[in-house]
Amino acid sequence: MKYTPWPKRDPVKNYFQLPNEIFLLGLSPGALAVYSYLLCCEDRNTYQCWPSYKTIGRAVKMSANTVRKYVLELEDKCLIRTEPTTVITRDGRKRNGTLRYHIRPIQEAVDHYY
Protein backbone atom coordinates (compact mmCIF):
# COMPACT_ATOMS: atom_id res chain seq x y z
CA MET A 1 0.00 0.00 0.00
CA LYS A 2 1.41 3.35 -1.05
CA TYR A 3 1.55 6.18 1.48
CA THR A 4 -0.34 9.30 0.48
CA PRO A 5 0.26 12.47 2.50
CA TRP A 6 -3.21 13.80 1.71
CA PRO A 7 -6.01 11.36 2.55
CA LYS A 8 -8.96 11.24 0.19
CA ARG A 9 -12.02 12.96 1.54
CA ASP A 10 -15.54 12.90 0.27
CA PRO A 11 -16.50 16.55 -0.35
CA VAL A 12 -20.15 15.90 0.42
CA LYS A 13 -19.58 14.25 3.81
CA ASN A 14 -16.55 16.04 5.24
CA TYR A 15 -17.24 19.67 4.37
CA PHE A 16 -20.02 22.20 4.63
CA GLN A 17 -20.62 25.43 2.76
CA LEU A 18 -20.68 28.81 4.40
CA PRO A 19 -22.59 31.35 2.28
CA ASN A 20 -20.61 34.39 1.11
CA GLU A 21 -23.42 36.74 2.18
CA ILE A 22 -22.72 35.91 5.83
CA PHE A 23 -19.82 38.36 5.78
CA LEU A 24 -22.09 41.24 4.71
CA LEU A 25 -24.37 41.00 7.75
CA GLY A 26 -22.02 42.53 10.33
CA LEU A 27 -21.82 39.50 12.62
CA SER A 28 -19.41 39.43 15.52
CA PRO A 29 -16.61 36.83 15.33
CA GLY A 30 -18.23 34.76 18.09
CA ALA A 31 -21.59 34.69 16.33
CA LEU A 32 -19.85 33.65 13.12
CA ALA A 33 -18.14 30.78 14.97
CA VAL A 34 -21.44 29.59 16.49
CA TYR A 35 -23.23 29.86 13.14
CA SER A 36 -20.46 27.90 11.45
CA TYR A 37 -20.73 25.13 14.05
CA LEU A 38 -24.51 24.96 13.65
CA LEU A 39 -24.11 24.65 9.87
CA CYS A 40 -21.57 21.89 10.44
CA CYS A 41 -24.02 19.96 12.66
CA GLU A 42 -27.21 20.49 10.67
CA ASP A 43 -29.11 17.75 8.90
CA ARG A 44 -28.79 18.67 5.22
CA ASN A 45 -32.34 17.49 4.48
CA THR A 46 -34.29 19.16 7.29
CA TYR A 47 -31.94 22.12 8.03
CA GLN A 48 -32.19 21.35 11.74
CA CYS A 49 -29.75 20.51 14.51
CA TRP A 50 -30.02 20.30 18.30
CA PRO A 51 -26.65 20.60 20.08
CA SER A 52 -26.69 21.99 23.61
CA TYR A 53 -25.06 25.27 24.61
CA LYS A 54 -22.39 23.24 26.36
CA THR A 55 -21.62 21.17 23.25
CA ILE A 56 -21.38 24.26 21.06
CA GLY A 57 -19.21 25.94 23.70
CA ARG A 58 -16.78 23.04 23.80
CA ALA A 59 -16.47 23.07 20.01
CA VAL A 60 -15.86 26.82 19.67
CA LYS A 61 -14.06 27.32 23.02
CA MET A 62 -16.71 29.50 24.70
CA SER A 63 -18.77 29.28 27.85
CA ALA A 64 -22.43 28.29 27.67
CA ASN A 65 -23.52 31.84 28.60
CA THR A 66 -21.44 33.32 25.78
CA VAL A 67 -22.92 30.83 23.33
CA ARG A 68 -26.40 31.83 24.51
CA LYS A 69 -25.57 35.48 23.78
CA TYR A 70 -24.41 34.67 20.24
CA VAL A 71 -27.44 32.45 19.56
CA LEU A 72 -29.66 35.41 20.45
CA GLU A 73 -27.63 37.57 18.04
CA LEU A 74 -28.12 35.00 15.28
CA GLU A 75 -31.86 34.97 15.97
CA ASP A 76 -32.00 38.77 15.79
CA LYS A 77 -30.24 38.67 12.40
CA CYS A 78 -32.82 36.08 11.15
CA LEU A 79 -30.15 33.45 10.46
CA ILE A 80 -31.62 30.82 12.77
CA ARG A 81 -34.85 30.06 14.57
CA THR A 82 -34.89 28.16 17.86
CA GLU A 83 -37.57 25.93 19.28
CA PRO A 84 -37.54 24.40 22.78
CA THR A 85 -37.83 20.62 23.09
CA THR A 86 -38.95 18.38 25.94
CA VAL A 87 -37.67 15.08 27.21
CA ILE A 88 -39.62 12.40 29.10
CA THR A 89 -37.51 10.85 31.86
CA ARG A 90 -37.62 7.18 32.80
CA ASP A 91 -39.93 7.87 35.70
CA GLY A 92 -42.37 9.67 33.37
CA ARG A 93 -41.61 13.28 34.26
CA LYS A 94 -41.42 15.91 31.54
CA ARG A 95 -38.18 17.95 31.45
CA ASN A 96 -36.77 20.67 29.24
CA GLY A 97 -34.53 19.40 26.46
CA THR A 98 -32.04 21.22 24.28
CA LEU A 99 -33.02 23.81 21.72
CA ARG A 100 -33.79 22.72 18.18
CA TYR A 101 -32.10 25.08 15.74
CA HIS A 102 -33.67 25.72 12.34
CA ILE A 103 -31.17 27.18 9.88
CA ARG A 104 -33.05 29.76 7.83
CA PRO A 105 -32.29 30.60 4.19
CA ILE A 106 -29.54 33.20 3.89
CA GLN A 107 -31.68 35.36 1.61
CA GLU A 108 -34.15 35.99 4.47
CA ALA A 109 -31.31 37.32 6.61
CA VAL A 110 -29.99 39.53 3.81
CA ASP A 111 -33.48 40.93 3.17
CA HIS A 112 -33.94 41.57 6.90
CA TYR A 113 -30.56 43.33 7.12
CA TYR A 114 -31.21 45.64 4.18
C-alpha atoms as a PDB file:
ATOM      1  CA  MET A   1       0.000   0.000   0.000  1.00  0.00           C
ATOM      2  CA  LYS A   2       1.412   3.352  -1.048  1.00  0.00           C
ATOM      3  CA  TYR A   3       1.553   6.175   1.478  1.00  0.00           C
ATOM      4  CA  THR A   4      -0.336   9.304   0.477  1.00  0.00           C
ATOM      5  CA  PRO A   5       0.260  12.470   2.495  1.00  0.00           C
ATOM      6  CA  TRP A   6      -3.212  13.803   1.708  1.00  0.00           C
ATOM      7  CA  PRO A   7      -6.008  11.357   2.547  1.00  0.00           C
ATOM      8  CA  LYS A   8      -8.958  11.237   0.187  1.00  0.00           C
ATOM      9  CA  ARG A   9     -12.021  12.960   1.539  1.00  0.00           C
ATOM     10  CA  ASP A  10     -15.540  12.898   0.274  1.00  0.00           C
ATOM     11  CA  PRO A  11     -16.504  16.552  -0.351  1.00  0.00           C
ATOM     12  CA  VAL A  12     -20.149  15.899   0.418  1.00  0.00           C
ATOM     13  CA  LYS A  13     -19.579  14.247   3.806  1.00  0.00           C
ATOM     14  CA  ASN A  14     -16.552  16.038   5.244  1.00  0.00           C
ATOM     15  CA  TYR A  15     -17.239  19.669   4.368  1.00  0.00           C
ATOM     16  CA  PHE A  16     -20.022  22.198   4.626  1.00  0.00           C
ATOM     17  CA  GLN A  17     -20.625  25.431   2.761  1.00  0.00           C
ATOM     18  CA  LEU A  18     -20.675  28.814   4.398  1.00  0.00           C
ATOM     19  CA  PRO A  19     -22.587  31.346   2.276  1.00  0.00           C
ATOM     20  CA  ASN A  20     -20.610  34.389   1.107  1.00  0.00           C
ATOM     21  CA  GLU A  21     -23.416  36.742   2.185  1.00  0.00           C
ATOM     22  CA  ILE A  22     -22.715  35.908   5.834  1.00  0.00           C
ATOM     23  CA  PHE A  23     -19.815  38.360   5.784  1.00  0.00           C
ATOM     24  CA  LEU A  24     -22.086  41.239   4.714  1.00  0.00           C
ATOM     25  CA  LEU A  25     -24.375  40.999   7.754  1.00  0.00           C
ATOM     26  CA  GLY A  26     -22.022  42.527  10.332  1.00  0.00           C
ATOM     27  CA  LEU A  27     -21.816  39.499  12.616  1.00  0.00           C
ATOM     28  CA  SER A  28     -19.408  39.426  15.525  1.00  0.00           C
ATOM     29  CA  PRO A  29     -16.611  36.828  15.329  1.00  0.00           C
ATOM     30  CA  GLY A  30     -18.228  34.758  18.090  1.00  0.00           C
ATOM     31  CA  ALA A  31     -21.589  34.686  16.331  1.00  0.00           C
ATOM     32  CA  LEU A  32     -19.845  33.651  13.123  1.00  0.00           C
ATOM     33  CA  ALA A  33     -18.143  30.776  14.969  1.00  0.00           C
ATOM     34  CA  VAL A  34     -21.438  29.590  16.490  1.00  0.00           C
ATOM     35  CA  TYR A  35     -23.232  29.857  13.141  1.00  0.00           C
ATOM     36  CA  SER A  36     -20.456  27.896  11.452  1.00  0.00           C
ATOM     37  CA  TYR A  37     -20.730  25.132  14.052  1.00  0.00           C
ATOM     38  CA  LEU A  38     -24.513  24.964  13.646  1.00  0.00           C
ATOM     39  CA  LEU A  39     -24.106  24.648   9.874  1.00  0.00           C
ATOM     40  CA  CYS A  40     -21.570  21.888  10.436  1.00  0.00           C
ATOM     41  CA  CYS A  41     -24.019  19.965  12.656  1.00  0.00           C
ATOM     42  CA  GLU A  42     -27.205  20.489  10.669  1.00  0.00           C
ATOM     43  CA  ASP A  43     -29.106  17.747   8.899  1.00  0.00           C
ATOM     44  CA  ARG A  44     -28.791  18.675   5.223  1.00  0.00           C
ATOM     45  CA  ASN A  45     -32.342  17.488   4.481  1.00  0.00           C
ATOM     46  CA  THR A  46     -34.294  19.164   7.286  1.00  0.00           C
ATOM     47  CA  TYR A  47     -31.938  22.116   8.031  1.00  0.00           C
ATOM     48  CA  GLN A  48     -32.188  21.350  11.742  1.00  0.00           C
ATOM     49  CA  CYS A  49     -29.754  20.506  14.510  1.00  0.00           C
ATOM     50  CA  TRP A  50     -30.017  20.299  18.302  1.00  0.00           C
ATOM     51  CA  PRO A  51     -26.647  20.598  20.084  1.00  0.00           C
ATOM     52  CA  SER A  52     -26.692  21.991  23.608  1.00  0.00           C
ATOM     53  CA  TYR A  53     -25.064  25.274  24.610  1.00  0.00           C
ATOM     54  CA  LYS A  54     -22.393  23.242  26.360  1.00  0.00           C
ATOM     55  CA  THR A  55     -21.624  21.167  23.249  1.00  0.00           C
ATOM     56  CA  ILE A  56     -21.380  24.265  21.065  1.00  0.00           C
ATOM     57  CA  GLY A  57     -19.210  25.939  23.698  1.00  0.00           C
ATOM     58  CA  ARG A  58     -16.778  23.036  23.798  1.00  0.00           C
ATOM     59  CA  ALA A  59     -16.472  23.075  20.013  1.00  0.00           C
ATOM     60  CA  VAL A  60     -15.858  26.816  19.670  1.00  0.00           C
ATOM     61  CA  LYS A  61     -14.058  27.318  23.024  1.00  0.00           C
ATOM     62  CA  MET A  62     -16.711  29.502  24.702  1.00  0.00           C
ATOM     63  CA  SER A  63     -18.773  29.281  27.846  1.00  0.00           C
ATOM     64  CA  ALA A  64     -22.433  28.287  27.668  1.00  0.00           C
ATOM     65  CA  ASN A  65     -23.521  31.843  28.601  1.00  0.00           C
ATOM     66  CA  THR A  66     -21.436  33.319  25.784  1.00  0.00           C
ATOM     67  CA  VAL A  67     -22.920  30.826  23.331  1.00  0.00           C
ATOM     68  CA  ARG A  68     -26.400  31.826  24.507  1.00  0.00           C
ATOM     69  CA  LYS A  69     -25.572  35.476  23.777  1.00  0.00           C
ATOM     70  CA  TYR A  70     -24.413  34.670  20.243  1.00  0.00           C
ATOM     71  CA  VAL A  71     -27.438  32.450  19.559  1.00  0.00           C
ATOM     72  CA  LEU A  72     -29.659  35.414  20.445  1.00  0.00           C
ATOM     73  CA  GLU A  73     -27.627  37.572  18.042  1.00  0.00           C
ATOM     74  CA  LEU A  74     -28.122  35.001  15.276  1.00  0.00           C
ATOM     75  CA  GLU A  75     -31.863  34.968  15.968  1.00  0.00           C
ATOM     76  CA  ASP A  76     -31.995  38.768  15.787  1.00  0.00           C
ATOM     77  CA  LYS A  77     -30.236  38.666  12.398  1.00  0.00           C
ATOM     78  CA  CYS A  78     -32.823  36.078  11.149  1.00  0.00           C
ATOM     79  CA  LEU A  79     -30.146  33.452  10.463  1.00  0.00           C
ATOM     80  CA  ILE A  80     -31.617  30.815  12.770  1.00  0.00           C
ATOM     81  CA  ARG A  81     -34.853  30.058  14.569  1.00  0.00           C
ATOM     82  CA  THR A  82     -34.888  28.164  17.856  1.00  0.00           C
ATOM     83  CA  GLU A  83     -37.567  25.928  19.278  1.00  0.00           C
ATOM     84  CA  PRO A  84     -37.538  24.396  22.780  1.00  0.00           C
ATOM     85  CA  THR A  85     -37.828  20.621  23.087  1.00  0.00           C
ATOM     86  CA  THR A  86     -38.950  18.385  25.936  1.00  0.00           C
ATOM     87  CA  VAL A  87     -37.667  15.076  27.213  1.00  0.00           C
ATOM     88  CA  ILE A  88     -39.618  12.398  29.102  1.00  0.00           C
ATOM     89  CA  THR A  89     -37.507  10.848  31.858  1.00  0.00           C
ATOM     90  CA  ARG A  90     -37.617   7.176  32.797  1.00  0.00           C
ATOM     91  CA  ASP A  91     -39.934   7.869  35.696  1.00  0.00           C
ATOM     92  CA  GLY A  92     -42.374   9.665  33.368  1.00  0.00           C
ATOM     93  CA  ARG A  93     -41.607  13.281  34.258  1.00  0.00           C
ATOM     94  CA  LYS A  94     -41.416  15.907  31.542  1.00  0.00           C
ATOM     95  CA  ARG A  95     -38.185  17.953  31.449  1.00  0.00           C
ATOM     96  CA  ASN A  96     -36.767  20.667  29.239  1.00  0.00           C
ATOM     97  CA  GLY A  97     -34.525  19.395  26.461  1.00  0.00           C
ATOM     98  CA  THR A  98     -32.038  21.217  24.276  1.00  0.00           C
ATOM     99  CA  LEU A  99     -33.016  23.813  21.719  1.00  0.00           C
ATOM    100  CA  ARG A 100     -33.785  22.719  18.181  1.00  0.00           C
ATOM    101  CA  TYR A 101     -32.105  25.081  15.743  1.00  0.00           C
ATOM    102  CA  HIS A 102     -33.667  25.721  12.341  1.00  0.00           C
ATOM    103  CA  ILE A 103     -31.170  27.183   9.880  1.00  0.00           C
ATOM    104  CA  ARG A 104     -33.047  29.756   7.826  1.00  0.00           C
ATOM    105  CA  PRO A 105     -32.290  30.603   4.189  1.00  0.00           C
ATOM    106  CA  ILE A 106     -29.537  33.204   3.887  1.00  0.00           C
ATOM    107  CA  GLN A 107     -31.684  35.359   1.613  1.00  0.00           C
ATOM    108  CA  GLU A 108     -34.151  35.991   4.467  1.00  0.00           C
ATOM    109  CA  ALA A 109     -31.312  37.324   6.614  1.00  0.00           C
ATOM    110  CA  VAL A 110     -29.995  39.532   3.814  1.00  0.00           C
ATOM    111  CA  ASP A 111     -33.479  40.933   3.169  1.00  0.00           C
ATOM    112  CA  HIS A 112     -33.940  41.570   6.901  1.00  0.00           C
ATOM    113  CA  TYR A 113     -30.560  43.333   7.123  1.00  0.00           C
ATOM    114  CA  TYR A 114     -31.212  45.643   4.180  1.00  0.00           C
END
